[in-house]
PDB file of all heavy atoms in Angstrom:
ATOM      1  N   GLU A   1     135.940 -36.762-112.733  1.00  0.00           N
ATOM      2  CA  GLU A   1     134.683 -37.456-112.438  1.00  0.00           C
ATOM      3  C   GLU A   1     134.674 -37.957-110.996  1.00  0.00           C
ATOM      4  O   GLU A   1     133.634 -37.913-110.318  1.00  0.00           O
ATOM      5  CB  GLU A   1     134.474 -38.630-113.395  1.00  0.00           C
ATOM      6  CG  GLU A   1     134.378 -38.248-114.865  1.00  0.00           C
ATOM      7  CD  GLU A   1     133.049 -37.590-115.217  1.00  0.00           C
ATOM      8  OE1 GLU A   1     132.287 -37.234-114.311  1.00  0.00           O
ATOM      9  OE2 GLU A   1     132.784 -37.429-116.423  1.00  0.00           O
ATOM     10  N   GLU A   2     135.816 -38.437-110.526  1.00  0.00           N
ATOM     11  CA  GLU A   2     135.875 -38.927-109.147  1.00  0.00           C
ATOM     12  C   GLU A   2     135.599 -37.800-108.164  1.00  0.00           C
ATOM     13  O   GLU A   2     134.848 -37.965-107.191  1.00  0.00           O
ATOM     14  CB  GLU A   2     137.243 -39.551-108.877  1.00  0.00           C
ATOM     15  CG  GLU A   2     137.324 -40.272-107.537  1.00  0.00           C
ATOM     16  CD  GLU A   2     138.681 -40.914-107.304  1.00  0.00           C
ATOM     17  OE1 GLU A   2     139.698 -40.341-107.761  1.00  0.00           O
ATOM     18  OE2 GLU A   2     138.738 -41.965-106.662  1.00  0.00           O
ATOM     19  N   ARG A   3     136.197 -36.652-108.404  1.00  0.00           N
ATOM     20  CA  ARG A   3     135.931 -35.489-107.552  1.00  0.00           C
ATOM     21  C   ARG A   3     134.462 -35.067-107.651  1.00  0.00           C
ATOM     22  O   ARG A   3     133.828 -34.728-106.646  1.00  0.00           O
ATOM     23  CB  ARG A   3     136.830 -34.325-107.978  1.00  0.00           C
ATOM     24  CG  ARG A   3     138.295 -34.504-107.662  1.00  0.00           C
ATOM     25  CD  ARG A   3     138.589 -34.301-106.202  1.00  0.00           C
ATOM     26  NE  ARG A   3     140.021 -34.330-105.937  1.00  0.00           N
ATOM     27  CZ  ARG A   3     140.549 -34.251-104.724  1.00  0.00           C
ATOM     28  NH1 ARG A   3     139.750 -34.138-103.673  1.00  0.00           N
ATOM     29  NH2 ARG A   3     141.855 -34.294-104.549  1.00  0.00           N
ATOM     30  N   ALA A   4     133.948 -35.054-108.878  1.00  0.00           N
ATOM     31  CA  ALA A   4     132.564 -34.621-109.085  1.00  0.00           C
ATOM     32  C   ALA A   4     131.588 -35.514-108.340  1.00  0.00           C
ATOM     33  O   ALA A   4     130.656 -35.026-107.680  1.00  0.00           O
ATOM     34  CB  ALA A   4     132.240 -34.611-110.581  1.00  0.00           C
ATOM     35  N   VAL A   5     131.771 -36.820-108.431  1.00  0.00           N
ATOM     36  CA  VAL A   5     130.881 -37.747-107.733  1.00  0.00           C
ATOM     37  C   VAL A   5     130.940 -37.511-106.225  1.00  0.00           C
ATOM     38  O   VAL A   5     129.906 -37.509-105.534  1.00  0.00           O
ATOM     39  CB  VAL A   5     131.245 -39.211-108.072  1.00  0.00           C
ATOM     40  CG1 VAL A   5     130.548 -40.187-107.123  1.00  0.00           C
ATOM     41  CG2 VAL A   5     130.863 -39.527-109.517  1.00  0.00           C
ATOM     42  N   ASP A   6     132.124 -37.277-105.706  1.00  0.00           N
ATOM     43  CA  ASP A   6     132.290 -37.019-104.277  1.00  0.00           C
ATOM     44  C   ASP A   6     131.520 -35.763-103.861  1.00  0.00           C
ATOM     45  O   ASP A   6     130.798 -35.748-102.857  1.00  0.00           O
ATOM     46  CB  ASP A   6     133.781 -36.848-103.973  1.00  0.00           C
ATOM     47  CG  ASP A   6     134.136 -37.194-102.535  1.00  0.00           C
ATOM     48  OD1 ASP A   6     133.627 -38.213-102.037  1.00  0.00           O
ATOM     49  OD2 ASP A   6     134.924 -36.454-101.925  1.00  0.00           O
ATOM     50  N   VAL A   7     131.654 -34.689-104.659  1.00  0.00           N
ATOM     51  CA  VAL A   7     130.971 -33.427-104.355  1.00  0.00           C
ATOM     52  C   VAL A   7     129.461 -33.575-104.513  1.00  0.00           C
ATOM     53  O   VAL A   7     128.684 -33.143-103.651  1.00  0.00           O
ATOM     54  CB  VAL A   7     131.490 -32.308-105.280  1.00  0.00           C
ATOM     55  CG1 VAL A   7     130.638 -31.045-105.129  1.00  0.00           C
ATOM     56  CG2 VAL A   7     132.946 -31.999-104.967  1.00  0.00           C
ATOM     57  N   TYR A   8     129.028 -34.205-105.598  1.00  0.00           N
ATOM     58  CA  TYR A   8     127.599 -34.309-105.872  1.00  0.00           C
ATOM     59  C   TYR A   8     126.882 -35.162-104.834  1.00  0.00           C
ATOM     60  O   TYR A   8     125.723 -34.897-104.505  1.00  0.00           O
ATOM     61  CB  TYR A   8     127.357 -34.872-107.271  1.00  0.00           C
ATOM     62  CG  TYR A   8     127.804 -33.956-108.394  1.00  0.00           C
ATOM     63  CD1 TYR A   8     127.984 -34.451-109.690  1.00  0.00           C
ATOM     64  CD2 TYR A   8     128.046 -32.603-108.173  1.00  0.00           C
ATOM     65  CE1 TYR A   8     128.388 -33.610-110.725  1.00  0.00           C
ATOM     66  CE2 TYR A   8     128.463 -31.773-109.199  1.00  0.00           C
ATOM     67  CZ  TYR A   8     128.626 -32.279-110.469  1.00  0.00           C
ATOM     68  OH  TYR A   8     129.033 -31.454-111.475  1.00  0.00           O
ATOM     69  N   ARG A   9     127.523 -36.188-104.333  1.00  0.00           N
ATOM     70  CA  ARG A   9     126.894 -37.013-103.295  1.00  0.00           C
ATOM     71  C   ARG A   9     126.673 -36.206-102.019  1.00  0.00           C
ATOM     72  O   ARG A   9     125.605 -36.282-101.403  1.00  0.00           O
ATOM     73  CB  ARG A   9     127.759 -38.236-103.000  1.00  0.00           C
ATOM     74  CG  ARG A   9     127.663 -39.341-104.046  1.00  0.00           C
ATOM     75  CD  ARG A   9     128.640 -40.454-103.743  1.00  0.00           C
ATOM     76  NE  ARG A   9     128.532 -41.540-104.718  1.00  0.00           N
ATOM     77  CZ  ARG A   9     129.445 -42.502-104.859  1.00  0.00           C
ATOM     78  NH1 ARG A   9     130.534 -42.500-104.107  1.00  0.00           N
ATOM     79  NH2 ARG A   9     129.264 -43.457-105.765  1.00  0.00           N
ATOM     80  N   ALA A  10     127.681 -35.424-101.638  1.00  0.00           N
ATOM     81  CA  ALA A  10     127.541 -34.597-100.430  1.00  0.00           C
ATOM     82  C   ALA A  10     126.473 -33.522-100.642  1.00  0.00           C
ATOM     83  O   ALA A  10     125.656 -33.247 -99.742  1.00  0.00           O
ATOM     84  CB  ALA A  10     128.881 -33.956-100.087  1.00  0.00           C
ATOM     85  N   TYR A  11     126.459 -32.933-101.810  1.00  0.00           N
ATOM     86  CA  TYR A  11     125.482 -31.897-102.155  1.00  0.00           C
ATOM     87  C   TYR A  11     124.070 -32.488-102.176  1.00  0.00           C
ATOM     88  O   TYR A  11     123.128 -31.904-101.614  1.00  0.00           O
ATOM     89  CB  TYR A  11     125.864 -31.323-103.510  1.00  0.00           C
ATOM     90  CG  TYR A  11     125.019 -30.186-104.028  1.00  0.00           C
ATOM     91  CD1 TYR A  11     124.420 -29.253-103.197  1.00  0.00           C
ATOM     92  CD2 TYR A  11     124.861 -30.031-105.415  1.00  0.00           C
ATOM     93  CE1 TYR A  11     123.670 -28.206-103.713  1.00  0.00           C
ATOM     94  CE2 TYR A  11     124.122 -28.988-105.934  1.00  0.00           C
ATOM     95  CZ  TYR A  11     123.522 -28.080-105.088  1.00  0.00           C
ATOM     96  OH  TYR A  11     122.783 -27.049-105.597  1.00  0.00           O
ATOM     97  N   GLU A  12     123.918 -33.644-102.794  1.00  0.00           N
ATOM     98  CA  GLU A  12     122.607 -34.300-102.874  1.00  0.00           C
ATOM     99  C   GLU A  12     122.054 -34.619-101.480  1.00  0.00           C
ATOM    100  O   GLU A  12     120.853 -34.444-101.219  1.00  0.00           O
ATOM    101  CB  GLU A  12     122.734 -35.586-103.705  1.00  0.00           C
ATOM    102  CG  GLU A  12     121.542 -36.528-103.641  1.00  0.00           C
ATOM    103  CD  GLU A  12     120.368 -36.066-104.488  1.00  0.00           C
ATOM    104  OE1 GLU A  12     120.409 -34.944-105.026  1.00  0.00           O
ATOM    105  OE2 GLU A  12     119.401 -36.830-104.595  1.00  0.00           O
ATOM    106  N   GLU A  13     122.906 -35.070-100.585  1.00  0.00           N
ATOM    107  CA  GLU A  13     122.455 -35.399 -99.226  1.00  0.00           C
ATOM    108  C   GLU A  13     121.866 -34.176 -98.531  1.00  0.00           C
ATOM    109  O   GLU A  13     120.798 -34.251 -97.892  1.00  0.00           O
ATOM    110  CB  GLU A  13     123.627 -35.952 -98.413  1.00  0.00           C
ATOM    111  CG  GLU A  13     123.256 -36.349 -96.992  1.00  0.00           C
ATOM    112  CD  GLU A  13     124.423 -36.911 -96.198  1.00  0.00           C
ATOM    113  OE1 GLU A  13     125.520 -37.069 -96.786  1.00  0.00           O
ATOM    114  OE2 GLU A  13     124.254 -37.166 -94.994  1.00  0.00           O
ATOM    115  N   LEU A  14     122.527 -33.027 -98.658  1.00  0.00           N
ATOM    116  CA  LEU A  14     122.023 -31.813 -98.035  1.00  0.00           C
ATOM    117  C   LEU A  14     120.768 -31.292 -98.725  1.00  0.00           C
ATOM    118  O   LEU A  14     119.859 -30.765 -98.069  1.00  0.00           O
ATOM    119  CB  LEU A  14     123.108 -30.734 -98.034  1.00  0.00           C
ATOM    120  CG  LEU A  14     124.289 -30.983 -97.096  1.00  0.00           C
ATOM    121  CD1 LEU A  14     125.336 -29.889 -97.247  1.00  0.00           C
ATOM    122  CD2 LEU A  14     123.823 -31.063 -95.641  1.00  0.00           C
ATOM    123  N   LEU A  15     120.695 -31.443-100.034  1.00  0.00           N
ATOM    124  CA  LEU A  15     119.486 -31.030-100.757  1.00  0.00           C
ATOM    125  C   LEU A  15     118.271 -31.811-100.268  1.00  0.00           C
ATOM    126  O   LEU A  15     117.178 -31.255-100.105  1.00  0.00           O
ATOM    127  CB  LEU A  15     119.676 -31.252-102.261  1.00  0.00           C
ATOM    128  CG  LEU A  15     120.645 -30.303-102.978  1.00  0.00           C
ATOM    129  CD1 LEU A  15     120.910 -30.795-104.391  1.00  0.00           C
ATOM    130  CD2 LEU A  15     120.102 -28.877-103.006  1.00  0.00           C
ATOM    131  N   ARG A  16     118.452 -33.102-100.051  1.00  0.00           N
ATOM    132  CA  ARG A  16     117.336 -33.946 -99.588  1.00  0.00           C
ATOM    133  C   ARG A  16     116.954 -33.577 -98.143  1.00  0.00           C
ATOM    134  O   ARG A  16     115.777 -33.552 -97.796  1.00  0.00           O
ATOM    135  CB  ARG A  16     117.702 -35.422 -99.683  1.00  0.00           C
ATOM    136  CG  ARG A  16     118.033 -35.929-101.073  1.00  0.00           C
ATOM    137  CD  ARG A  16     116.799 -36.066-101.970  1.00  0.00           C
ATOM    138  NE  ARG A  16     116.135 -34.812-102.266  1.00  0.00           N
ATOM    139  CZ  ARG A  16     116.585 -33.899-103.139  1.00  0.00           C
ATOM    140  NH1 ARG A  16     117.694 -34.115-103.795  1.00  0.00           N
ATOM    141  NH2 ARG A  16     115.917 -32.783-103.347  1.00  0.00           N
ATOM    142  N   GLN A  17     117.936 -33.317 -97.314  1.00  0.00           N
ATOM    143  CA  GLN A  17     117.652 -32.946 -95.928  1.00  0.00           C
ATOM    144  C   GLN A  17     116.840 -31.659 -95.857  1.00  0.00           C
ATOM    145  O   GLN A  17     115.952 -31.521 -95.005  1.00  0.00           O
ATOM    146  CB  GLN A  17     118.958 -32.787 -95.151  1.00  0.00           C
ATOM    147  CG  GLN A  17     119.696 -34.102 -94.882  1.00  0.00           C
ATOM    148  CD  GLN A  17     121.024 -33.878 -94.192  1.00  0.00           C
ATOM    149  OE1 GLN A  17     121.382 -32.744 -93.827  1.00  0.00           O
ATOM    150  NE2 GLN A  17     121.783 -34.945 -94.014  1.00  0.00           N
ATOM    151  N   ARG A  18     117.115 -30.730 -96.750  1.00  0.00           N
ATOM    152  CA  ARG A  18     116.449 -29.431 -96.744  1.00  0.00           C
ATOM    153  C   ARG A  18     115.244 -29.380 -97.681  1.00  0.00           C
ATOM    154  O   ARG A  18     114.613 -28.341 -97.807  1.00  0.00           O
ATOM    155  CB  ARG A  18     117.461 -28.331 -97.120  1.00  0.00           C
ATOM    156  CG  ARG A  18     118.560 -28.189 -96.087  1.00  0.00           C
ATOM    157  CD  ARG A  18     119.729 -27.369 -96.620  1.00  0.00           C
ATOM    158  NE  ARG A  18     120.800 -27.326 -95.639  1.00  0.00           N
ATOM    159  CZ  ARG A  18     121.040 -26.310 -94.818  1.00  0.00           C
ATOM    160  NH1 ARG A  18     120.279 -25.234 -94.870  1.00  0.00           N
ATOM    161  NH2 ARG A  18     122.026 -26.357 -93.956  1.00  0.00           N
ATOM    162  N   GLU A  19     114.955 -30.495 -98.328  1.00  0.00           N
ATOM    163  CA  GLU A  19     113.810 -30.613 -99.234  1.00  0.00           C
ATOM    164  C   GLU A  19     113.838 -29.532-100.314  1.00  0.00           C
ATOM    165  O   GLU A  19     112.808 -28.943-100.660  1.00  0.00           O
ATOM    166  CB  GLU A  19     112.497 -30.569 -98.446  1.00  0.00           C
ATOM    167  CG  GLU A  19     112.368 -31.711 -97.447  1.00  0.00           C
ATOM    168  CD  GLU A  19     111.037 -31.691 -96.718  1.00  0.00           C
ATOM    169  OE1 GLU A  19     110.330 -30.666 -96.791  1.00  0.00           O
ATOM    170  OE2 GLU A  19     110.701 -32.696 -96.073  1.00  0.00           O
ATOM    171  N   LEU A  20     115.010 -29.289-100.849  1.00  0.00           N
ATOM    172  CA  LEU A  20     115.147 -28.323-101.943  1.00  0.00           C
ATOM    173  C   LEU A  20     114.857 -29.010-103.278  1.00  0.00           C
ATOM    174  O   LEU A  20     115.073 -30.215-103.423  1.00  0.00           O
ATOM    175  CB  LEU A  20     116.559 -27.732-101.935  1.00  0.00           C
ATOM    176  CG  LEU A  20     116.836 -26.786-100.759  1.00  0.00           C
ATOM    177  CD1 LEU A  20     118.304 -26.413-100.696  1.00  0.00           C
ATOM    178  CD2 LEU A  20     115.989 -25.522-100.875  1.00  0.00           C
ATOM    179  N   PRO A  21     114.369 -28.256-104.252  1.00  0.00           N
ATOM    180  CA  PRO A  21     113.844 -28.841-105.497  1.00  0.00           C
ATOM    181  C   PRO A  21     114.905 -29.185-106.543  1.00  0.00           C
ATOM    182  O   PRO A  21     114.702 -28.978-107.735  1.00  0.00           O
ATOM    183  CB  PRO A  21     112.914 -27.741-106.017  1.00  0.00           C
ATOM    184  CG  PRO A  21     113.581 -26.484-105.581  1.00  0.00           C
ATOM    185  CD  PRO A  21     114.135 -26.785-104.211  1.00  0.00           C
ATOM    186  N   ILE A  22     116.037 -29.682-106.118  1.00  0.00           N
ATOM    187  CA  ILE A  22     117.087 -30.105-107.047  1.00  0.00           C
ATOM    188  C   ILE A  22     117.441 -31.545-106.687  1.00  0.00           C
ATOM    189  O   ILE A  22     117.702 -31.840-105.522  1.00  0.00           O
ATOM    190  CB  ILE A  22     118.340 -29.218-106.937  1.00  0.00           C
ATOM    191  CG1 ILE A  22     117.986 -27.763-107.209  1.00  0.00           C
ATOM    192  CG2 ILE A  22     119.432 -29.698-107.898  1.00  0.00           C
ATOM    193  CD1 ILE A  22     119.122 -26.794-106.931  1.00  0.00           C
ATOM    194  N   GLN A  23     117.431 -32.409-107.683  1.00  0.00           N
ATOM    195  CA  GLN A  23     117.773 -33.803-107.453  1.00  0.00           C
ATOM    196  C   GLN A  23     118.891 -34.210-108.407  1.00  0.00           C
ATOM    197  O   GLN A  23     118.821 -33.947-109.610  1.00  0.00           O
ATOM    198  CB  GLN A  23     116.558 -34.703-107.654  1.00  0.00           C
ATOM    199  CG  GLN A  23     115.440 -34.423-106.656  1.00  0.00           C
ATOM    200  CD  GLN A  23     114.320 -35.435-106.755  1.00  0.00           C
ATOM    201  OE1 GLN A  23     114.562 -36.600-107.083  1.00  0.00           O
ATOM    202  NE2 GLN A  23     113.106 -35.004-106.487  1.00  0.00           N
ATOM    203  N   LEU A  24     119.904 -34.871-107.854  1.00  0.00           N
ATOM    204  CA  LEU A  24     121.094 -35.207-108.631  1.00  0.00           C
ATOM    205  C   LEU A  24     121.237 -36.699-108.888  1.00  0.00           C
ATOM    206  O   LEU A  24     122.282 -37.131-109.386  1.00  0.00           O
ATOM    207  CB  LEU A  24     122.346 -34.709-107.899  1.00  0.00           C
ATOM    208  CG  LEU A  24     122.387 -33.225-107.533  1.00  0.00           C
ATOM    209  CD1 LEU A  24     123.711 -32.893-106.853  1.00  0.00           C
ATOM    210  CD2 LEU A  24     122.197 -32.346-108.753  1.00  0.00           C
ATOM    211  N   SER A  25     120.216 -37.481-108.579  1.00  0.00           N
ATOM    212  CA  SER A  25     120.354 -38.937-108.685  1.00  0.00           C
ATOM    213  C   SER A  25     120.672 -39.374-110.112  1.00  0.00           C
ATOM    214  O   SER A  25     121.558 -40.207-110.340  1.00  0.00           O
ATOM    215  CB  SER A  25     119.086 -39.626-108.181  1.00  0.00           C
ATOM    216  OG  SER A  25     117.942 -39.169-108.893  1.00  0.00           O
ATOM    217  N   GLY A  26     119.958 -38.830-111.088  1.00  0.00           N
ATOM    218  CA  GLY A  26     120.207 -39.207-112.478  1.00  0.00           C
ATOM    219  C   GLY A  26     121.568 -38.752-112.958  1.00  0.00           C
ATOM    220  O   GLY A  26     122.281 -39.489-113.646  1.00  0.00           O
ATOM    221  N   LEU A  27     121.949 -37.545-112.584  1.00  0.00           N
ATOM    222  CA  LEU A  27     123.246 -37.014-112.981  1.00  0.00           C
ATOM    223  C   LEU A  27     124.370 -37.852-112.370  1.00  0.00           C
ATOM    224  O   LEU A  27     125.371 -38.147-113.032  1.00  0.00           O
ATOM    225  CB  LEU A  27     123.342 -35.559-112.539  1.00  0.00           C
ATOM    226  CG  LEU A  27     124.557 -34.757-112.995  1.00  0.00           C
ATOM    227  CD1 LEU A  27     124.173 -33.304-113.256  1.00  0.00           C
ATOM    228  CD2 LEU A  27     125.652 -34.805-111.940  1.00  0.00           C
ATOM    229  N   LEU A  28     124.212 -38.246-111.117  1.00  0.00           N
ATOM    230  CA  LEU A  28     125.212 -39.084-110.458  1.00  0.00           C
ATOM    231  C   LEU A  28     125.399 -40.407-111.187  1.00  0.00           C
ATOM    232  O   LEU A  28     126.521 -40.895-111.346  1.00  0.00           O
ATOM    233  CB  LEU A  28     124.815 -39.325-108.999  1.00  0.00           C
ATOM    234  CG  LEU A  28     125.333 -38.306-107.985  1.00  0.00           C
ATOM    235  CD1 LEU A  28     124.599 -38.448-106.663  1.00  0.00           C
ATOM    236  CD2 LEU A  28     126.829 -38.475-107.777  1.00  0.00           C
ATOM    237  N   LYS A  29     124.307 -40.993-111.640  1.00  0.00           N
ATOM    238  CA  LYS A  29     124.407 -42.257-112.372  1.00  0.00           C
ATOM    239  C   LYS A  29     125.214 -42.081-113.644  1.00  0.00           C
ATOM    240  O   LYS A  29     126.020 -42.957-114.006  1.00  0.00           O
ATOM    241  CB  LYS A  29     123.007 -42.784-112.703  1.00  0.00           C
ATOM    242  CG  LYS A  29     122.236 -43.316-111.509  1.00  0.00           C
ATOM    243  CD  LYS A  29     120.848 -43.794-111.922  1.00  0.00           C
ATOM    244  CE  LYS A  29     120.057 -44.278-110.711  1.00  0.00           C
ATOM    245  NZ  LYS A  29     118.678 -44.700-111.096  1.00  0.00           N
ATOM    246  N   GLU A  30     125.018 -40.968-114.328  1.00  0.00           N
ATOM    247  CA  GLU A  30     125.778 -40.728-115.549  1.00  0.00           C
ATOM    248  C   GLU A  30     127.260 -40.520-115.251  1.00  0.00           C
ATOM    249  O   GLU A  30     128.131 -41.032-115.965  1.00  0.00           O
ATOM    250  CB  GLU A  30     125.209 -39.523-116.299  1.00  0.00           C
ATOM    251  CG  GLU A  30     123.866 -39.814-116.942  1.00  0.00           C
ATOM    252  CD  GLU A  30     123.376 -38.699-117.847  1.00  0.00           C
ATOM    253  OE1 GLU A  30     123.967 -37.601-117.821  1.00  0.00           O
ATOM    254  OE2 GLU A  30     122.401 -38.942-118.576  1.00  0.00           O
ATOM    255  N   GLU A  31     127.570 -39.778-114.197  1.00  0.00           N
ATOM    256  CA  GLU A  31     128.967 -39.549-113.845  1.00  0.00           C
ATOM    257  C   GLU A  31     129.648 -40.859-113.448  1.00  0.00           C
ATOM    258  O   GLU A  31     130.803 -41.113-113.817  1.00  0.00           O
ATOM    259  CB  GLU A  31     129.079 -38.524-112.713  1.00  0.00           C
ATOM    260  CG  GLU A  31     128.508 -37.149-113.021  1.00  0.00           C
ATOM    261  CD  GLU A  31     129.341 -36.364-114.029  1.00  0.00           C
ATOM    262  OE1 GLU A  31     130.101 -36.975-114.801  1.00  0.00           O
ATOM    263  OE2 GLU A  31     129.211 -35.128-114.056  1.00  0.00           O
TER     264      GLU A  31
END
């Protein structure tokens, strides 16, 4: 889970910068 949160945060930041239609905020909260 610690690794996953680290990866998902970095992935989410790039998704938002590129305005891609995937959002990980809810998934991150669960992890």
